[in-house]
Amino acid sequence: MPPPSWRAGLDAVADLLLPPVCIACRARIMGHGLLCGDCFAKVDFIAPPVCARLGVPLPYDAGTPSLSAAAIAAPPVYDRARAVARYSQTMRDLIQSFKYRDRQEGLALFSRWLVHAGAELLADADLILPVPLYRSRLWWRRFNQSAMLAQRISKLTGIACDCFVLKRVRRTASQVGLSAEQRVRNVAGAFKVEPSRAQIVKGRRIVVVDDVITTGATAEACARALKRAKAARVDVLALARAVEPPPRALKDLRGAG
């Protein structure tokens, strides 16, 4: 390994050849894998007070854990959800660049954000799981962004991560552009716990990692599969979420799969 002085020199040369730029707008900045001040200001971070179940912002702090109207009207299958920020244009651009254009320079930053946003969920979690991709989509995309995030969170926290517990057992259409009801239909029965790993799930407090929560259909489908395998608790942690969840699908659809 080169001595520190050499490493500093090599880093300086690397910065000259490949100068650090904002991962969103590509403006020159001081360090790699970061946002410039303007783009950082556009990230609408979700901060307390939030709904104890859905993790959406609440209008005021009641002093005790409170539920949003959406969580009271239709409690989710999962126990709690938390997200870093609202799914604004800036977060959408960051996530889509990571997900579809193989822009992974923000991975370390995203992981730190997730550990901070999910501190309550991770405090006593036993296991971290990513939302899985179907095998053909994984082959086409070459990587699972949720798995990369889950593995980084595991390294930062020391909590075990297993990318093979949850399986997507059938191909589903992209959720983009689908209504809440269509999303529920699309992922109904799409996830199963790998039988050889069922004992890993039983009695465990699990955090499922995804990139975006919109209607929550994917999160609920994963939670349903894990609770059928006797998970003690299933929480969901995402980079972004829709702050005002659309009306949830009909109860008979929520029970599908």
C-alpha atoms as a PDB file:
ATOM      1  CA  MET A   1       0.000   0.000   0.000  1.00  0.00           C
ATOM      2  CA  PRO A   2       1.444   3.425  -0.946  1.00  0.00           C
ATOM      3  CA  PRO A   3       2.412   5.712   1.971  1.00  0.00           C
ATOM      4  CA  PRO A   4      -0.070   8.491   2.843  1.00  0.00           C
ATOM      5  CA  SER A   5       1.922  11.160   0.974  1.00  0.00           C
ATOM      6  CA  TRP A   6       1.870   9.084  -2.212  1.00  0.00           C
ATOM      7  CA  ARG A   7      -1.810   8.378  -1.851  1.00  0.00           C
ATOM      8  CA  ALA A   8      -2.545  12.077  -1.473  1.00  0.00           C
ATOM      9  CA  GLY A   9      -0.533  12.756  -4.608  1.00  0.00           C
ATOM     10  CA  LEU A  10      -2.325  10.028  -6.546  1.00  0.00           C
ATOM     11  CA  ASP A  11      -5.683  11.396  -5.394  1.00  0.00           C
ATOM     12  CA  ALA A  12      -4.695  14.861  -6.581  1.00  0.00           C
ATOM     13  CA  VAL A  13      -3.720  13.525 -10.013  1.00  0.00           C
ATOM     14  CA  ALA A  14      -6.977  11.563 -10.212  1.00  0.00           C
ATOM     15  CA  ASP A  15      -8.941  14.714  -9.391  1.00  0.00           C
ATOM     16  CA  LEU A  16      -7.175  16.545 -12.209  1.00  0.00           C
ATOM     17  CA  LEU A  17      -7.975  13.794 -14.701  1.00  0.00           C
ATOM     18  CA  LEU A  18     -11.474  13.092 -13.380  1.00  0.00           C
ATOM     19  CA  PRO A  19     -12.528  16.166 -11.394  1.00  0.00           C
ATOM     20  CA  PRO A  20     -15.263  15.612  -8.797  1.00  0.00           C
ATOM     21  CA  VAL A  21     -18.686  16.694  -9.997  1.00  0.00           C
ATOM     22  CA  CYS A  22     -22.161  16.855  -8.476  1.00  0.00           C
ATOM     23  CA  ILE A  23     -23.904  13.520  -8.941  1.00  0.00           C
ATOM     24  CA  ALA A  24     -27.060  15.352 -10.017  1.00  0.00           C
ATOM     25  CA  CYS A  25     -26.140  18.344 -12.196  1.00  0.00           C
ATOM     26  CA  ARG A  26     -22.443  17.520 -12.903  1.00  0.00           C
ATOM     27  CA  ALA A  27     -21.210  20.905 -11.635  1.00  0.00           C
ATOM     28  CA  ARG A  28     -17.658  20.926 -10.252  1.00  0.00           C
ATOM     29  CA  ILE A  29     -17.501  20.352  -6.488  1.00  0.00           C
ATOM     30  CA  MET A  30     -14.875  19.593  -3.836  1.00  0.00           C
ATOM     31  CA  GLY A  31     -15.372  15.848  -3.423  1.00  0.00           C
ATOM     32  CA  HIS A  32     -16.535  12.762  -5.308  1.00  0.00           C
ATOM     33  CA  GLY A  33     -19.957  11.179  -4.790  1.00  0.00           C
ATOM     34  CA  LEU A  34     -21.646  14.280  -3.394  1.00  0.00           C
ATOM     35  CA  LEU A  35     -24.210  16.916  -4.342  1.00  0.00           C
ATOM     36  CA  CYS A  36     -23.528  20.573  -4.965  1.00  0.00           C
ATOM     37  CA  GLY A  37     -25.186  23.069  -2.627  1.00  0.00           C
ATOM     38  CA  ASP A  38     -27.947  23.929  -5.087  1.00  0.00           C
ATOM     39  CA  CYS A  39     -28.932  20.298  -5.709  1.00  0.00           C
ATOM     40  CA  PHE A  40     -28.689  19.389  -2.024  1.00  0.00           C
ATOM     41  CA  ALA A  41     -31.118  22.216  -1.252  1.00  0.00           C
ATOM     42  CA  LYS A  42     -33.607  20.652  -3.680  1.00  0.00           C
ATOM     43  CA  VAL A  43     -33.701  17.326  -1.797  1.00  0.00           C
ATOM     44  CA  ASP A  44     -36.853  17.476   0.316  1.00  0.00           C
ATOM     45  CA  PHE A  45     -35.750  15.378   3.291  1.00  0.00           C
ATOM     46  CA  ILE A  46     -38.496  13.823   5.409  1.00  0.00           C
ATOM     47  CA  ALA A  47     -38.096  14.876   9.042  1.00  0.00           C
ATOM     48  CA  PRO A  48     -40.180  14.327  12.193  1.00  0.00           C
ATOM     49  CA  PRO A  49     -42.981  14.410  12.980  1.00  0.00           C
ATOM     50  CA  VAL A  50     -43.956  11.464  10.785  1.00  0.00           C
ATOM     51  CA  CYS A  51     -46.680   8.832  10.814  1.00  0.00           C
ATOM     52  CA  ALA A  52     -45.513   5.952  13.006  1.00  0.00           C
ATOM     53  CA  ARG A  53     -46.614   3.397  10.386  1.00  0.00           C
ATOM     54  CA  LEU A  54     -46.276   4.959   6.922  1.00  0.00           C
ATOM     55  CA  GLY A  55     -43.480   7.396   7.671  1.00  0.00           C
ATOM     56  CA  VAL A  56     -45.199  10.268   5.852  1.00  0.00           C
ATOM     57  CA  PRO A  57     -44.852  13.764   7.353  1.00  0.00           C
ATOM     58  CA  LEU A  58     -47.489  14.908   9.837  1.00  0.00           C
ATOM     59  CA  PRO A  59     -48.672  18.536  10.064  1.00  0.00           C
ATOM     60  CA  TYR A  60     -47.698  18.935  13.737  1.00  0.00           C
ATOM     61  CA  ASP A  61     -45.964  17.090  16.573  1.00  0.00           C
ATOM     62  CA  ALA A  62     -48.484  15.596  18.997  1.00  0.00           C
ATOM     63  CA  GLY A  63     -45.719  14.615  21.417  1.00  0.00           C
ATOM     64  CA  THR A  64     -46.455  10.897  21.091  1.00  0.00           C
ATOM     65  CA  PRO A  65     -46.249   8.459  18.147  1.00  0.00           C
ATOM     66  CA  SER A  66     -49.164   9.334  15.875  1.00  0.00           C
ATOM     67  CA  LEU A  67     -50.798   7.835  12.809  1.00  0.00           C
ATOM     68  CA  SER A  68     -51.769   9.548   9.582  1.00  0.00           C
ATOM     69  CA  ALA A  69     -55.324   9.324   8.296  1.00  0.00           C
ATOM     70  CA  ALA A  70     -54.156   6.928   5.567  1.00  0.00           C
ATOM     71  CA  ALA A  71     -52.593   4.549   8.112  1.00  0.00           C
ATOM     72  CA  ILE A  72     -55.743   4.574  10.251  1.00  0.00           C
ATOM     73  CA  ALA A  73     -58.049   3.995   7.283  1.00  0.00           C
ATOM     74  CA  ALA A  74     -56.008   1.133   5.816  1.00  0.00           C
ATOM     75  CA  PRO A  75     -53.177  -0.155   8.044  1.00  0.00           C
ATOM     76  CA  PRO A  76     -50.354  -1.595   5.923  1.00  0.00           C
ATOM     77  CA  VAL A  77     -49.204  -5.199   6.064  1.00  0.00           C
ATOM     78  CA  TYR A  78     -45.702  -4.073   7.027  1.00  0.00           C
ATOM     79  CA  ASP A  79     -45.113  -2.641  10.500  1.00  0.00           C
ATOM     80  CA  ARG A  80     -43.303   0.621   9.746  1.00  0.00           C
ATOM     81  CA  ALA A  81     -41.906   2.451   6.745  1.00  0.00           C
ATOM     82  CA  ARG A  82     -39.338   5.213   6.594  1.00  0.00           C
ATOM     83  CA  ALA A  83     -37.821   7.077   3.656  1.00  0.00           C
ATOM     84  CA  VAL A  84     -35.029   9.577   3.198  1.00  0.00           C
ATOM     85  CA  ALA A  85     -36.936  12.168   1.180  1.00  0.00           C
ATOM     86  CA  ARG A  86     -40.046  12.998  -0.769  1.00  0.00           C
ATOM     87  CA  TYR A  87     -40.077  11.672  -4.324  1.00  0.00           C
ATOM     88  CA  SER A  88     -39.375  15.080  -5.843  1.00  0.00           C
ATOM     89  CA  GLN A  89     -37.840  15.743  -9.248  1.00  0.00           C
ATOM     90  CA  THR A  90     -34.312  15.812  -7.820  1.00  0.00           C
ATOM     91  CA  MET A  91     -34.722  12.469  -6.039  1.00  0.00           C
ATOM     92  CA  ARG A  92     -36.394  10.993  -9.099  1.00  0.00           C
ATOM     93  CA  ASP A  93     -33.446  12.019 -11.277  1.00  0.00           C
ATOM     94  CA  LEU A  94     -30.904  10.660  -8.784  1.00  0.00           C
ATOM     95  CA  ILE A  95     -32.668   7.325  -8.408  1.00  0.00           C
ATOM     96  CA  GLN A  96     -33.306   6.844 -12.111  1.00  0.00           C
ATOM     97  CA  SER A  97     -29.665   7.611 -12.947  1.00  0.00           C
ATOM     98  CA  PHE A  98     -28.584   5.020 -10.372  1.00  0.00           C
ATOM     99  CA  LYS A  99     -31.187   2.473 -11.399  1.00  0.00           C
ATOM    100  CA  TYR A 100     -31.267   2.714 -15.183  1.00  0.00           C
ATOM    101  CA  ARG A 101     -28.041   4.467 -16.213  1.00  0.00           C
ATOM    102  CA  ASP A 102     -25.593   2.623 -13.962  1.00  0.00           C
ATOM    103  CA  ARG A 103     -24.542   5.812 -12.186  1.00  0.00           C
ATOM    104  CA  GLN A 104     -23.294   4.344  -8.908  1.00  0.00           C
ATOM    105  CA  GLU A 105     -21.136   7.205  -7.648  1.00  0.00           C
ATOM    106  CA  GLY A 106     -23.890   8.233  -5.222  1.00  0.00           C
ATOM    107  CA  LEU A 107     -24.164   4.809  -3.587  1.00  0.00           C
ATOM    108  CA  ALA A 108     -22.116   5.689  -0.498  1.00  0.00           C
ATOM    109  CA  LEU A 109     -24.076   8.914   0.037  1.00  0.00           C
ATOM    110  CA  PHE A 110     -27.434   7.171  -0.435  1.00  0.00           C
ATOM    111  CA  SER A 111     -26.439   4.490   2.075  1.00  0.00           C
ATOM    112  CA  ARG A 112     -25.512   7.057   4.724  1.00  0.00           C
ATOM    113  CA  TRP A 113     -28.823   8.817   4.163  1.00  0.00           C
ATOM    114  CA  LEU A 114     -30.678   5.521   4.586  1.00  0.00           C
ATOM    115  CA  VAL A 115     -28.900   4.652   7.833  1.00  0.00           C
ATOM    116  CA  HIS A 116     -29.839   8.063   9.223  1.00  0.00           C
ATOM    117  CA  ALA A 117     -33.465   7.938   8.035  1.00  0.00           C
ATOM    118  CA  GLY A 118     -33.900   4.338   9.179  1.00  0.00           C
ATOM    119  CA  ALA A 119     -32.160   4.625  12.550  1.00  0.00           C
ATOM    120  CA  GLU A 120     -35.340   3.702  14.429  1.00  0.00           C
ATOM    121  CA  LEU A 121     -35.929   0.627  12.255  1.00  0.00           C
ATOM    122  CA  LEU A 122     -32.308  -0.508  12.290  1.00  0.00           C
ATOM    123  CA  ALA A 123     -31.803  -0.066  16.048  1.00  0.00           C
ATOM    124  CA  ASP A 124     -32.916  -3.611  16.877  1.00  0.00           C
ATOM    125  CA  ALA A 125     -33.199  -5.217  13.425  1.00  0.00           C
ATOM    126  CA  ASP A 126     -31.900  -8.757  12.931  1.00  0.00           C
ATOM    127  CA  LEU A 127     -31.771  -8.916   9.152  1.00  0.00           C
ATOM    128  CA  ILE A 128     -31.711  -6.635   6.103  1.00  0.00           C
ATOM    129  CA  LEU A 129     -33.270  -7.839   2.845  1.00  0.00           C
ATOM    130  CA  PRO A 130     -33.494  -6.132  -0.552  1.00  0.00           C
ATOM    131  CA  VAL A 131     -36.585  -6.169  -2.729  1.00  0.00           C
ATOM    132  CA  PRO A 132     -35.593  -8.756  -5.361  1.00  0.00           C
ATOM    133  CA  LEU A 133     -35.704  -8.424  -9.136  1.00  0.00           C
ATOM    134  CA  TYR A 134     -37.028 -11.134 -11.412  1.00  0.00           C
ATOM    135  CA  ARG A 135     -34.131 -13.038 -12.999  1.00  0.00           C
ATOM    136  CA  SER A 136     -34.680 -11.714 -16.543  1.00  0.00           C
ATOM    137  CA  ARG A 137     -34.774  -8.107 -15.319  1.00  0.00           C
ATOM    138  CA  LEU A 138     -31.664  -8.683 -13.226  1.00  0.00           C
ATOM    139  CA  TRP A 139     -29.884 -10.097 -16.285  1.00  0.00           C
ATOM    140  CA  TRP A 140     -30.921  -7.100 -18.384  1.00  0.00           C
ATOM    141  CA  ARG A 141     -30.058  -4.472 -15.747  1.00  0.00           C
ATOM    142  CA  ARG A 142     -26.949  -6.369 -14.495  1.00  0.00           C
ATOM    143  CA  PHE A 143     -27.451  -5.343 -10.867  1.00  0.00           C
ATOM    144  CA  ASN A 144     -30.181  -4.923  -8.279  1.00  0.00           C
ATOM    145  CA  GLN A 145     -30.038  -1.385  -6.909  1.00  0.00           C
ATOM    146  CA  SER A 146     -31.927  -2.404  -3.757  1.00  0.00           C
ATOM    147  CA  ALA A 147     -29.405  -5.175  -3.076  1.00  0.00           C
ATOM    148  CA  MET A 148     -26.506  -2.753  -3.455  1.00  0.00           C
ATOM    149  CA  LEU A 149     -28.117  -0.379  -0.965  1.00  0.00           C
ATOM    150  CA  ALA A 150     -28.937  -3.208   1.461  1.00  0.00           C
ATOM    151  CA  GLN A 151     -25.361  -4.499   1.387  1.00  0.00           C
ATOM    152  CA  ARG A 152     -23.953  -1.025   2.044  1.00  0.00           C
ATOM    153  CA  ILE A 153     -26.339  -0.508   4.962  1.00  0.00           C
ATOM    154  CA  SER A 154     -25.226  -3.875   6.341  1.00  0.00           C
ATOM    155  CA  LYS A 155     -21.575  -2.790   6.209  1.00  0.00           C
ATOM    156  CA  LEU A 156     -22.348   0.500   7.945  1.00  0.00           C
ATOM    157  CA  THR A 157     -24.457  -1.046  10.715  1.00  0.00           C
ATOM    158  CA  GLY A 158     -23.128  -4.577  11.153  1.00  0.00           C
ATOM    159  CA  ILE A 159     -26.633  -6.016  10.647  1.00  0.00           C
ATOM    160  CA  ALA A 160     -26.698  -9.182   8.552  1.00  0.00           C
ATOM    161  CA  CYS A 161     -27.880  -8.879   4.947  1.00  0.00           C
ATOM    162  CA  ASP A 162     -29.154 -11.763   2.826  1.00  0.00           C
ATOM    163  CA  CYS A 163     -29.986 -11.113  -0.825  1.00  0.00           C
ATOM    164  CA  PHE A 164     -31.457 -14.567  -1.419  1.00  0.00           C
ATOM    165  CA  VAL A 165     -34.207 -14.872   1.201  1.00  0.00           C
ATOM    166  CA  LEU A 166     -36.904 -13.146  -0.843  1.00  0.00           C
ATOM    167  CA  LYS A 167     -37.542 -14.315  -4.401  1.00  0.00           C
ATOM    168  CA  ARG A 168     -39.602 -12.681  -7.114  1.00  0.00           C
ATOM    169  CA  VAL A 169     -41.244 -15.784  -8.512  1.00  0.00           C
ATOM    170  CA  ARG A 170     -42.896 -14.270 -11.542  1.00  0.00           C
ATOM    171  CA  ARG A 171     -42.165 -11.458 -13.926  1.00  0.00           C
ATOM    172  CA  THR A 172     -44.199  -8.318 -13.262  1.00  0.00           C
ATOM    173  CA  ALA A 173     -44.799  -5.276 -15.407  1.00  0.00           C
ATOM    174  CA  SER A 174     -43.079  -2.033 -14.473  1.00  0.00           C
ATOM    175  CA  GLN A 175     -45.033  -0.235 -11.758  1.00  0.00           C
ATOM    176  CA  VAL A 176     -44.411   3.128 -13.445  1.00  0.00           C
ATOM    177  CA  GLY A 177     -47.656   4.667 -14.656  1.00  0.00           C
ATOM    178  CA  LEU A 178     -49.940   2.118 -12.967  1.00  0.00           C
ATOM    179  CA  SER A 179     -52.792   3.111 -10.682  1.00  0.00           C
ATOM    180  CA  ALA A 180     -52.826   2.006  -7.035  1.00  0.00           C
ATOM    181  CA  GLU A 181     -55.202  -0.852  -7.832  1.00  0.00           C
ATOM    182  CA  GLN A 182     -53.153  -1.933 -10.849  1.00  0.00           C
ATOM    183  CA  ARG A 183     -49.974  -1.932  -8.759  1.00  0.00           C
ATOM    184  CA  VAL A 184     -51.541  -4.242  -6.187  1.00  0.00           C
ATOM    185  CA  ARG A 185     -52.727  -6.623  -8.916  1.00  0.00           C
ATOM    186  CA  ASN A 186     -49.327  -6.483 -10.590  1.00  0.00           C
ATOM    187  CA  VAL A 187     -47.333  -7.688  -7.566  1.00  0.00           C
ATOM    188  CA  ALA A 188     -49.948  -9.959  -5.955  1.00  0.00           C
ATOM    189  CA  GLY A 189     -48.243 -13.282  -5.229  1.00  0.00           C
ATOM    190  CA  ALA A 190     -45.020 -12.140  -6.913  1.00  0.00           C
ATOM    191  CA  PHE A 191     -42.778 -12.701  -3.873  1.00  0.00           C
ATOM    192  CA  LYS A 192     -41.967 -15.833  -1.904  1.00  0.00           C
ATOM    193  CA  VAL A 193     -39.503 -16.752   0.803  1.00  0.00           C
ATOM    194  CA  GLU A 194     -36.891 -19.209  -0.464  1.00  0.00           C
ATOM    195  CA  PRO A 195     -37.787 -22.481   1.350  1.00  0.00           C
ATOM    196  CA  SER A 196     -34.152 -23.245   2.185  1.00  0.00           C
ATOM    197  CA  ARG A 197     -33.935 -19.916   4.008  1.00  0.00           C
ATOM    198  CA  ALA A 198     -37.301 -19.969   5.787  1.00  0.00           C
ATOM    199  CA  GLN A 199     -35.672 -20.589   9.175  1.00  0.00           C
ATOM    200  CA  ILE A 200     -33.647 -17.396   8.766  1.00  0.00           C
ATOM    201  CA  VAL A 201     -36.912 -15.427   8.651  1.00  0.00           C
ATOM    202  CA  LYS A 202     -38.826 -17.064  11.491  1.00  0.00           C
ATOM    203  CA  GLY A 203     -39.002 -14.841  14.557  1.00  0.00           C
ATOM    204  CA  ARG A 204     -36.691 -12.211  13.048  1.00  0.00           C
ATOM    205  CA  ARG A 205     -37.084  -8.433  12.913  1.00  0.00           C
ATOM    206  CA  ILE A 206     -36.532  -7.611   9.268  1.00  0.00           C
ATOM    207  CA  VAL A 207     -35.875  -4.400   7.347  1.00  0.00           C
ATOM    208  CA  VAL A 208     -36.717  -4.564   3.637  1.00  0.00           C
ATOM    209  CA  VAL A 209     -34.795  -2.064   1.489  1.00  0.00           C
ATOM    210  CA  ASP A 210     -36.194  -0.540  -1.705  1.00  0.00           C
ATOM    211  CA  ASP A 211     -35.475   2.542  -3.780  1.00  0.00           C
ATOM    212  CA  VAL A 212     -38.948   4.132  -3.856  1.00  0.00           C
ATOM    213  CA  ILE A 213     -42.264   3.688  -2.049  1.00  0.00           C
ATOM    214  CA  THR A 214     -45.198   5.042  -4.038  1.00  0.00           C
ATOM    215  CA  THR A 215     -48.464   3.260  -3.251  1.00  0.00           C
ATOM    216  CA  GLY A 216     -46.670   0.708  -1.057  1.00  0.00           C
ATOM    217  CA  ALA A 217     -47.900  -2.245  -3.131  1.00  0.00           C
ATOM    218  CA  THR A 218     -44.441  -3.805  -3.530  1.00  0.00           C
ATOM    219  CA  ALA A 219     -43.590  -3.251   0.138  1.00  0.00           C
ATOM    220  CA  GLU A 220     -46.836  -4.904   1.208  1.00  0.00           C
ATOM    221  CA  ALA A 221     -46.351  -7.868  -1.120  1.00  0.00           C
ATOM    222  CA  CYS A 222     -42.878  -8.465   0.335  1.00  0.00           C
ATOM    223  CA  ALA A 223     -44.129  -8.035   3.904  1.00  0.00           C
ATOM    224  CA  ARG A 224     -46.975 -10.459   3.291  1.00  0.00           C
ATOM    225  CA  ALA A 225     -44.553 -13.157   2.090  1.00  0.00           C
ATOM    226  CA  LEU A 226     -42.239 -12.602   5.060  1.00  0.00           C
ATOM    227  CA  LYS A 227     -45.044 -12.655   7.619  1.00  0.00           C
ATOM    228  CA  ARG A 228     -46.354 -15.885   6.147  1.00  0.00           C
ATOM    229  CA  ALA A 229     -42.873 -17.233   6.877  1.00  0.00           C
ATOM    230  CA  LYS A 230     -43.356 -16.109  10.522  1.00  0.00           C
ATOM    231  CA  ALA A 231     -41.197 -12.978  10.562  1.00  0.00           C
ATOM    232  CA  ALA A 232     -41.677 -11.205  13.894  1.00  0.00           C
ATOM    233  CA  ARG A 233     -41.626  -7.744  12.330  1.00  0.00           C
ATOM    234  CA  VAL A 234     -41.243  -6.337   8.835  1.00  0.00           C
ATOM    235  CA  ASP A 235     -40.211  -2.721   8.317  1.00  0.00           C
ATOM    236  CA  VAL A 236     -39.481  -0.991   5.019  1.00  0.00           C
ATOM    237  CA  LEU A 237     -36.717   1.523   4.292  1.00  0.00           C
ATOM    238  CA  ALA A 238     -36.481   3.477   1.030  1.00  0.00           C
ATOM    239  CA  LEU A 239     -34.609   6.360  -0.528  1.00  0.00           C
ATOM    240  CA  ALA A 240     -37.811   8.187  -1.442  1.00  0.00           C
ATOM    241  CA  ARG A 241     -41.554   7.945  -1.095  1.00  0.00           C
ATOM    242  CA  ALA A 242     -44.686   9.591  -2.356  1.00  0.00           C
ATOM    243  CA  VAL A 243     -45.767  11.783   0.536  1.00  0.00           C
ATOM    244  CA  GLU A 244     -49.485  11.576  -0.175  1.00  0.00           C
ATOM    245  CA  PRO A 245     -50.151   7.888  -0.820  1.00  0.00           C
ATOM    246  CA  PRO A 246     -52.877   7.418  -3.439  1.00  0.00           C
ATOM    247  CA  PRO A 247     -56.095   5.727  -2.295  1.00  0.00           C
ATOM    248  CA  ARG A 248     -55.330   2.127  -1.512  1.00  0.00           C
ATOM    249  CA  ALA A 249     -56.781  -0.680  -3.562  1.00  0.00           C
ATOM    250  CA  LEU A 250     -59.833  -2.638  -2.509  1.00  0.00           C
ATOM    251  CA  LYS A 251     -59.531  -4.958   0.494  1.00  0.00           C
ATOM    252  CA  ASP A 252     -60.057  -8.086  -1.583  1.00  0.00           C
ATOM    253  CA  LEU A 253     -57.085  -7.076  -3.745  1.00  0.00           C
ATOM    254  CA  ARG A 254     -54.895  -6.440  -0.690  1.00  0.00           C
ATOM    255  CA  GLY A 255     -55.475 -10.008   0.377  1.00  0.00           C
ATOM    256  CA  ALA A 256     -54.569 -11.435  -3.035  1.00  0.00           C
ATOM    257  CA  GLY A 257     -51.543 -13.674  -3.392  1.00  0.00           C
END
